[in-house]
Protein backbone atom coordinates (compact mmCIF):
# COMPACT_ATOMS: atom_id res chain seq x y z
CA MET A 1 9.16 40.46 18.10
CA SER A 2 6.10 38.71 19.70
CA THR A 3 4.58 39.68 23.13
CA ASN A 4 2.56 36.23 22.52
CA PRO A 5 4.22 32.62 23.39
CA GLY A 6 4.39 30.17 20.07
CA VAL A 7 2.69 27.04 20.30
CA PHE A 8 4.02 23.75 19.32
CA VAL A 9 1.81 21.35 18.21
CA LEU A 10 2.99 17.15 17.56
CA SER A 11 0.11 14.85 15.97
CA LEU A 12 0.80 11.07 15.16
CA ASP A 13 -1.04 9.40 12.50
CA THR A 14 -1.36 6.51 14.42
CA GLU A 15 -2.57 3.87 11.96
CA LEU A 16 -0.17 0.72 11.72
CA ALA A 17 -1.99 -1.50 8.46
CA TRP A 18 -4.62 0.59 7.91
CA GLY A 19 -2.50 2.99 6.61
CA THR A 20 -0.45 1.72 3.93
CA PHE A 21 -2.27 -1.83 2.82
CA ASP A 22 -3.11 -0.59 -0.73
CA GLN A 23 0.89 0.43 -1.17
CA ASP A 24 2.80 -3.38 -0.32
CA GLY A 25 2.84 -1.83 3.43
CA LEU A 26 2.39 -5.31 4.92
CA ARG A 27 5.66 -6.39 3.47
CA ARG A 28 7.65 -3.12 3.24
CA PHE A 29 6.84 -2.24 7.04
CA SER A 30 6.60 -5.55 8.60
CA ARG A 31 9.65 -4.85 10.55
CA HIS A 32 8.34 -1.22 11.59
CA PHE A 33 4.92 -2.80 12.82
CA SER A 34 6.38 -5.54 15.02
CA GLN A 35 7.95 -3.19 16.84
CA LYS A 36 5.23 -0.71 17.03
CA ARG A 37 3.99 -1.31 20.74
CA PRO A 38 7.56 -0.91 22.33
CA ILE A 39 7.73 2.20 20.19
CA VAL A 40 5.07 3.83 21.20
CA ARG A 41 5.02 3.05 25.20
CA ARG A 42 8.80 4.72 24.41
CA LEU A 43 7.11 7.56 23.26
CA LEU A 44 4.76 8.24 25.95
CA ASP A 45 7.66 7.71 28.09
CA LEU A 46 9.19 10.81 26.64
CA PHE A 47 5.86 12.54 26.51
CA ASP A 48 6.17 12.05 30.13
CA ARG A 49 9.54 13.27 30.81
CA TYR A 50 9.07 16.33 29.09
CA GLN A 51 5.29 16.83 30.36
CA ALA A 52 4.00 17.15 26.98
CA PRO A 53 0.46 16.54 25.67
CA VAL A 54 0.15 15.63 21.85
CA THR A 55 -2.44 14.38 19.32
CA TRP A 56 -2.90 11.19 18.75
CA ALA A 57 -4.92 10.23 15.55
CA PHE A 58 -6.05 6.94 15.36
CA VAL A 59 -7.83 5.16 12.59
CA GLY A 60 -11.60 4.49 14.30
CA HIS A 61 -10.76 0.14 13.77
CA LEU A 62 -7.84 0.64 15.72
CA LEU A 63 -9.62 1.38 18.73
CA LEU A 64 -11.55 -2.00 18.35
CA ARG A 65 -10.09 -5.01 19.95
CA GLU A 66 -12.12 -7.59 17.46
CA CYS A 67 -14.60 -7.59 15.07
CA CYS A 68 -16.36 -10.18 12.41
CA GLY A 69 -18.22 -10.14 9.60
CA GLN A 70 -20.60 -12.54 7.70
CA ALA A 71 -19.04 -15.42 6.13
CA GLY A 72 -17.30 -14.63 2.66
CA ALA A 73 -17.53 -10.94 3.18
CA PRO A 74 -15.79 -8.03 5.03
CA PRO A 75 -16.32 -7.05 8.26
CA HIS A 76 -18.03 -3.71 8.61
CA PRO A 77 -20.78 -3.71 5.75
CA GLN A 78 -23.10 -1.03 7.55
CA VAL A 79 -19.47 1.36 7.26
CA LEU A 80 -19.75 3.54 3.58
CA ARG A 81 -15.78 3.70 2.18
CA PRO A 82 -15.25 4.07 -1.94
CA ARG A 83 -14.91 1.67 -4.56
CA TYR A 84 -11.13 3.22 -5.69
CA SER A 85 -10.57 3.05 -9.36
CA TRP A 86 -6.90 2.50 -8.79
CA TYR A 87 -7.41 -0.70 -6.28
CA PRO A 88 -9.09 -3.05 -7.60
CA HIS A 89 -10.59 -4.81 -4.18
CA ASP A 90 -13.25 -3.50 -1.62
CA TRP A 91 -11.49 -1.44 0.58
CA HIS A 92 -11.95 -3.57 3.93
CA HIS A 93 -10.98 -7.03 2.15
CA LEU A 94 -8.25 -7.61 4.19
CA ASP A 95 -9.85 -6.95 7.52
CA PRO A 96 -9.24 -10.08 9.72
CA GLY A 97 -12.43 -10.63 10.73
CA SER A 98 -10.49 -11.54 14.48
CA ASP A 99 -9.19 -9.87 17.43
CA LEU A 100 -6.13 -7.92 18.75
CA GLU A 101 -4.11 -11.40 20.18
CA ARG A 102 -4.24 -13.10 16.64
CA ASP A 103 -3.86 -9.89 13.87
CA PRO A 104 -2.24 -7.45 16.38
CA TRP A 105 -1.14 -5.31 13.03
CA TRP A 106 -5.24 -4.62 12.46
CA TYR A 107 -6.43 -3.58 15.96
CA GLY A 108 -4.91 -1.58 18.67
CA ALA A 109 -7.38 -1.51 21.50
CA ASP A 110 -4.01 -2.15 23.56
CA LEU A 111 -2.88 1.37 22.30
CA LEU A 112 -4.94 3.24 22.93
CA GLU A 113 -5.33 1.95 26.67
CA GLN A 114 -1.45 2.54 26.93
CA VAL A 115 -1.83 6.25 25.60
CA LEU A 116 -4.87 7.07 27.95
CA GLY A 117 -2.78 5.27 30.92
CA ALA A 118 -0.08 7.96 30.36
CA ALA A 119 0.60 10.04 32.80
CA MET A 120 0.45 12.91 30.54
CA PRO A 121 -3.05 13.21 29.08
CA HIS A 122 -3.71 13.12 25.58
CA GLU A 123 -5.60 13.88 22.75
CA ILE A 124 -7.22 11.12 20.81
CA GLY A 125 -8.55 12.85 17.75
CA SER A 126 -9.47 10.53 14.48
CA HIS A 127 -7.92 9.41 11.42
CA THR A 128 -10.79 8.07 9.80
CA PHE A 129 -12.55 4.60 10.58
CA THR A 130 -10.58 2.27 7.86
CA HIS A 131 -7.80 5.45 6.45
CA ILE A 132 -9.81 6.17 3.32
CA VAL A 133 -8.66 8.64 1.30
CA VAL A 134 -11.18 11.28 1.08
CA ASP A 135 -10.33 13.89 -1.91
CA ASP A 136 -10.19 10.46 -3.98
CA PRO A 137 -13.86 10.95 -6.60
CA ALA A 138 -15.08 7.68 -5.70
CA CYS A 139 -15.33 9.06 -2.09
CA THR A 140 -18.73 10.66 -1.47
CA ARG A 141 -20.02 13.06 1.35
CA GLU A 142 -22.66 9.78 2.87
CA ILE A 143 -18.84 7.94 3.22
CA VAL A 144 -17.46 10.40 5.00
CA ARG A 145 -19.97 10.63 7.16
CA SER A 146 -20.64 6.91 7.72
CA GLN A 147 -16.36 6.14 8.35
CA LEU A 148 -16.57 9.09 11.39
CA ALA A 149 -19.73 7.99 12.71
CA ALA A 150 -18.16 4.45 12.89
CA CYS A 151 -15.38 6.47 14.71
CA VAL A 152 -17.63 8.42 16.65
CA GLU A 153 -19.28 5.01 17.95
CA ALA A 154 -15.53 3.45 18.81
CA HIS A 155 -14.08 6.51 20.64
CA ALA A 156 -17.60 6.42 22.70
CA ARG A 157 -16.90 2.91 23.95
CA TYR A 158 -14.10 4.33 25.99
CA GLY A 159 -15.86 7.51 26.97
CA LEU A 160 -14.00 9.65 24.30
CA THR A 161 -15.52 12.32 21.67
CA ILE A 162 -13.78 13.67 18.87
CA HIS A 163 -12.49 17.36 18.46
CA SER A 164 -9.98 17.01 15.99
CA LEU A 165 -9.42 15.23 12.49
CA VAL A 166 -6.32 14.02 10.69
CA TYR A 167 -6.89 13.44 6.70
CA PRO A 168 -5.44 10.13 6.16
CA ARG A 169 -2.46 10.97 3.06
CA ASN A 170 -3.80 14.81 4.13
CA LYS A 171 -5.83 14.48 1.42
CA ILE A 172 -8.72 16.71 2.57
CA ALA A 173 -12.34 17.53 1.28
CA PHE A 174 -15.79 17.51 2.71
CA ARG A 175 -14.69 19.81 5.85
CA ASP A 176 -18.33 21.11 5.99
CA VAL A 177 -19.51 17.47 7.18
CA LEU A 178 -16.90 17.36 10.17
CA PRO A 179 -18.95 19.71 12.74
CA GLU A 180 -21.40 17.54 11.95
CA PHE A 181 -19.59 15.49 14.68
CA GLY A 182 -18.62 17.01 17.33
CA ILE A 183 -15.29 17.93 14.80
CA THR A 184 -13.46 21.23 14.91
CA VAL A 185 -10.21 20.93 14.44
CA TYR A 186 -8.42 19.47 11.57
CA ARG A 187 -4.32 19.30 10.47
CA GLY A 188 -4.22 21.33 7.32
CA ARG A 189 -1.42 20.83 4.39
CA GLU A 190 1.66 21.94 4.56
CA ARG A 191 2.33 25.09 3.17
CA ARG A 192 5.59 24.99 0.91
CA TRP A 193 5.69 26.74 -2.16
CA TYR A 194 6.41 23.57 -3.58
CA VAL A 195 3.88 21.33 -2.49
CA ASP A 196 1.72 21.49 -5.33
CA LEU A 197 4.63 20.78 -8.03
CA ASP A 198 4.57 17.07 -9.80
CA GLU A 199 5.46 14.18 -7.23
CA ARG A 200 8.22 13.16 -8.24
CA LEU A 201 10.00 17.03 -8.21
CA VAL A 202 8.55 17.33 -4.84
CA ARG A 203 9.89 13.68 -3.23
CA ALA A 204 13.47 15.38 -4.44
CA LEU A 205 12.68 18.92 -3.79
CA HIS A 206 11.73 17.37 0.23
CA VAL A 207 14.75 15.86 0.48
CA ILE A 208 16.48 18.93 -0.35
CA ASP A 209 14.35 21.09 1.84
CA ARG A 210 14.86 18.43 5.06
CA THR A 211 18.81 18.04 4.23
CA LEU A 212 19.60 21.93 3.95
CA PRO A 213 18.02 22.26 6.48
CA LEU A 214 15.56 25.09 5.44
CA ALA A 215 13.51 26.80 8.22
CA PRO A 216 10.07 24.86 8.36
CA THR A 217 6.71 27.24 7.63
CA THR A 218 5.14 28.26 10.95
CA TYR A 219 1.98 29.97 10.59
CA PRO A 220 0.14 33.16 13.05
CA LEU A 221 -2.41 32.23 15.05
CA ASP A 222 -4.84 34.71 14.09
CA SER A 223 -4.85 33.15 10.46
CA LEU A 224 -6.10 29.64 11.38
CA ASP A 225 -9.59 30.53 12.07
CA GLU A 226 -12.25 29.30 9.24
CA GLY A 227 -15.54 29.59 11.36
CA ALA A 228 -16.77 26.54 12.43
CA LEU A 229 -13.53 24.82 11.99
CA VAL A 230 -9.96 25.99 12.88
CA ASN A 231 -7.33 25.01 10.87
CA ILE A 232 -3.74 23.28 12.78
CA PRO A 233 -1.76 22.87 9.46
CA ALA A 234 1.15 20.65 8.99
CA SER A 235 4.55 22.34 9.87
CA MET A 236 7.41 19.67 9.27
CA PHE A 237 6.98 15.56 9.01
CA TYR A 238 10.04 13.92 11.04
CA VAL A 239 10.88 11.55 8.05
CA ALA A 240 11.70 8.21 8.92
CA ARG A 241 14.69 6.59 7.55
CA ASP A 242 13.76 4.54 5.07
CA GLY A 243 14.69 4.41 1.03
CA PHE A 244 15.67 7.66 -0.30
CA ARG A 245 15.17 9.58 3.17
CA ARG A 246 18.21 7.69 4.77
CA ALA A 247 20.46 10.06 2.46
CA ILE A 248 19.26 13.02 5.03
CA PRO A 249 21.29 13.36 8.26
CA LEU A 250 19.73 12.74 11.80
CA ALA A 251 21.16 16.11 12.24
CA SER A 252 19.33 17.95 9.53
CA ARG A 253 15.89 16.81 10.69
CA VAL A 254 17.02 17.73 14.53
CA ALA A 255 18.25 21.32 13.30
CA GLN A 256 15.37 21.92 11.10
CA ALA A 257 13.01 21.12 13.79
CA LYS A 258 14.78 23.61 16.54
CA ARG A 259 14.53 26.42 13.91
CA GLY A 260 10.79 25.81 13.50
CA LEU A 261 9.87 25.48 17.04
CA LEU A 262 12.62 29.28 17.35
CA ARG A 263 11.07 30.98 14.87
CA ALA A 264 7.05 30.45 16.40
CA ALA A 265 8.83 31.24 19.87
CA GLU A 266 9.85 34.83 18.47
CA ARG A 267 7.20 35.33 16.39
CA GLY A 268 4.00 34.13 18.81
CA GLU A 269 3.23 31.50 15.88
CA LEU A 270 2.30 27.73 15.35
CA PHE A 271 4.53 24.67 14.50
CA HIS A 272 3.27 21.68 13.74
CA LEU A 273 5.38 18.82 13.41
CA TRP A 274 4.05 15.09 12.72
CA PHE A 275 4.62 11.67 11.63
CA HIS A 276 3.05 8.28 11.84
CA PRO A 277 4.92 6.39 15.30
CA PHE A 278 5.97 3.36 12.92
CA ASN A 279 8.59 5.62 11.29
CA LEU A 280 10.93 5.44 14.08
CA GLY A 281 11.21 1.33 13.21
CA SER A 282 12.90 2.74 10.48
CA ASP A 283 15.70 3.74 12.77
CA LEU A 284 15.45 3.84 16.25
CA ARG A 285 17.99 7.28 16.28
CA LEU A 286 15.41 8.72 15.57
CA PHE A 287 14.48 8.86 19.19
CA ASP A 288 17.67 10.27 19.74
CA GLY A 289 16.41 13.43 17.80
CA LEU A 290 13.18 13.89 19.20
CA GLU A 291 14.46 14.17 22.51
CA GLN A 292 16.81 16.58 21.33
CA ILE A 293 13.57 18.30 19.92
CA TYR A 294 11.45 18.21 22.88
CA ARG A 295 14.48 19.24 25.14
CA PHE A 296 14.88 22.62 23.20
CA ALA A 297 10.77 23.31 22.80
CA ALA A 298 10.99 22.37 26.64
CA GLY A 299 13.88 25.20 27.14
CA LEU A 300 11.89 27.44 25.24
CA ARG A 301 8.64 26.76 26.96
CA ASP A 302 10.39 26.89 30.65
CA ALA A 303 11.56 30.50 29.43
CA GLY A 304 7.79 31.56 28.81
CA LYS A 305 8.40 31.44 25.11
CA LEU A 306 6.18 28.24 24.06
CA GLU A 307 3.43 26.33 24.85
CA ILE A 308 3.28 22.67 23.63
CA VAL A 309 -0.06 21.76 23.52
CA PRO A 310 -2.61 19.08 21.36
CA MET A 311 -4.30 20.01 18.25
CA CYS A 312 -7.48 20.71 20.50
CA ALA A 313 -5.31 23.26 22.78
CA ALA A 314 -3.79 25.24 19.91
CA ALA A 315 -7.94 25.53 18.33
CA GLU A 316 -8.58 27.22 21.63
CA LEU A 317 -5.29 29.38 21.63
CA VAL A 318 -6.20 30.19 18.10
CA ARG A 319 -10.11 31.35 18.89
CA ARG A 320 -8.25 33.17 22.26
CA ARG A 321 -6.06 34.86 20.16
CA VAL A 322 -8.52 36.09 17.30
CA ALA A 323 -11.03 37.26 20.23
CA GLN A 324 -8.20 39.72 21.19
CA GLN A 325 -7.90 41.04 17.96
CA PRO A 326 -9.00 44.91 17.66
CA ALA A 327 -12.26 45.22 16.12
CA GLY A 328 -12.84 46.79 12.36
């Protein structure tokens, strides 16, 4: 058993329509999106109650209250974006070029203001400006730079700087660009033995993994320092109750998260939970499970066995842990 406390991080992919518009998300998740604002308020109340800071990884466009473009052209022509072979439109073609009041699925300045107004201070990270898929051949280094520059500008309007990035769909590339924009932390992919298999097989194994439930991966902190960057990799996705995932009992999700927390506390390692806030709209009973997870985590913290921090603070703990290692 480690003499160092474990570390618990939660990151929230905050994206609304931007995250799934190319996958029929506007239809599939309309009920979820309509609940997003009450969900965020309820999450903030939960985090305040357990004094738990988290990382809210905002799609940069959501930080806007309004935008507009020239007639016949999508907004934000100055922001580069890929032209994907599998998507037959400009990536911004559904951007309504309107405002929060008329199109609240595409703008989220009010959500950011809710988070900034919470009693518990949270980290505001980035999820790129318009949720581009970075590892696709159509995406270039200059496109990533343009997207991140737009995010920096949007954050700066609120006096915010960006330290952490969550890659859309966990597709990781161009890590060397991140420090140019002050980003020193990113969420790496979950390290499960099956993640690189065929996608259909991964889905099946994922359901089995969550149902059993197997202990999620936790990570030694001194293994996460990558020089200019710190990788805070995912351990577990708190899965929604949509489609085939409804077969996973709620109790299994909770039990798996508790196993990850206990393992991290016993070994002095990192456990990183993540989800999209709108996922909770699939079944509001998921809040009950999240409450159980945080009650358990708070008990470990109060016993001196766990620290509950956002990604940027976890990176500082990684650097500190590395500095404590004996030379040679």
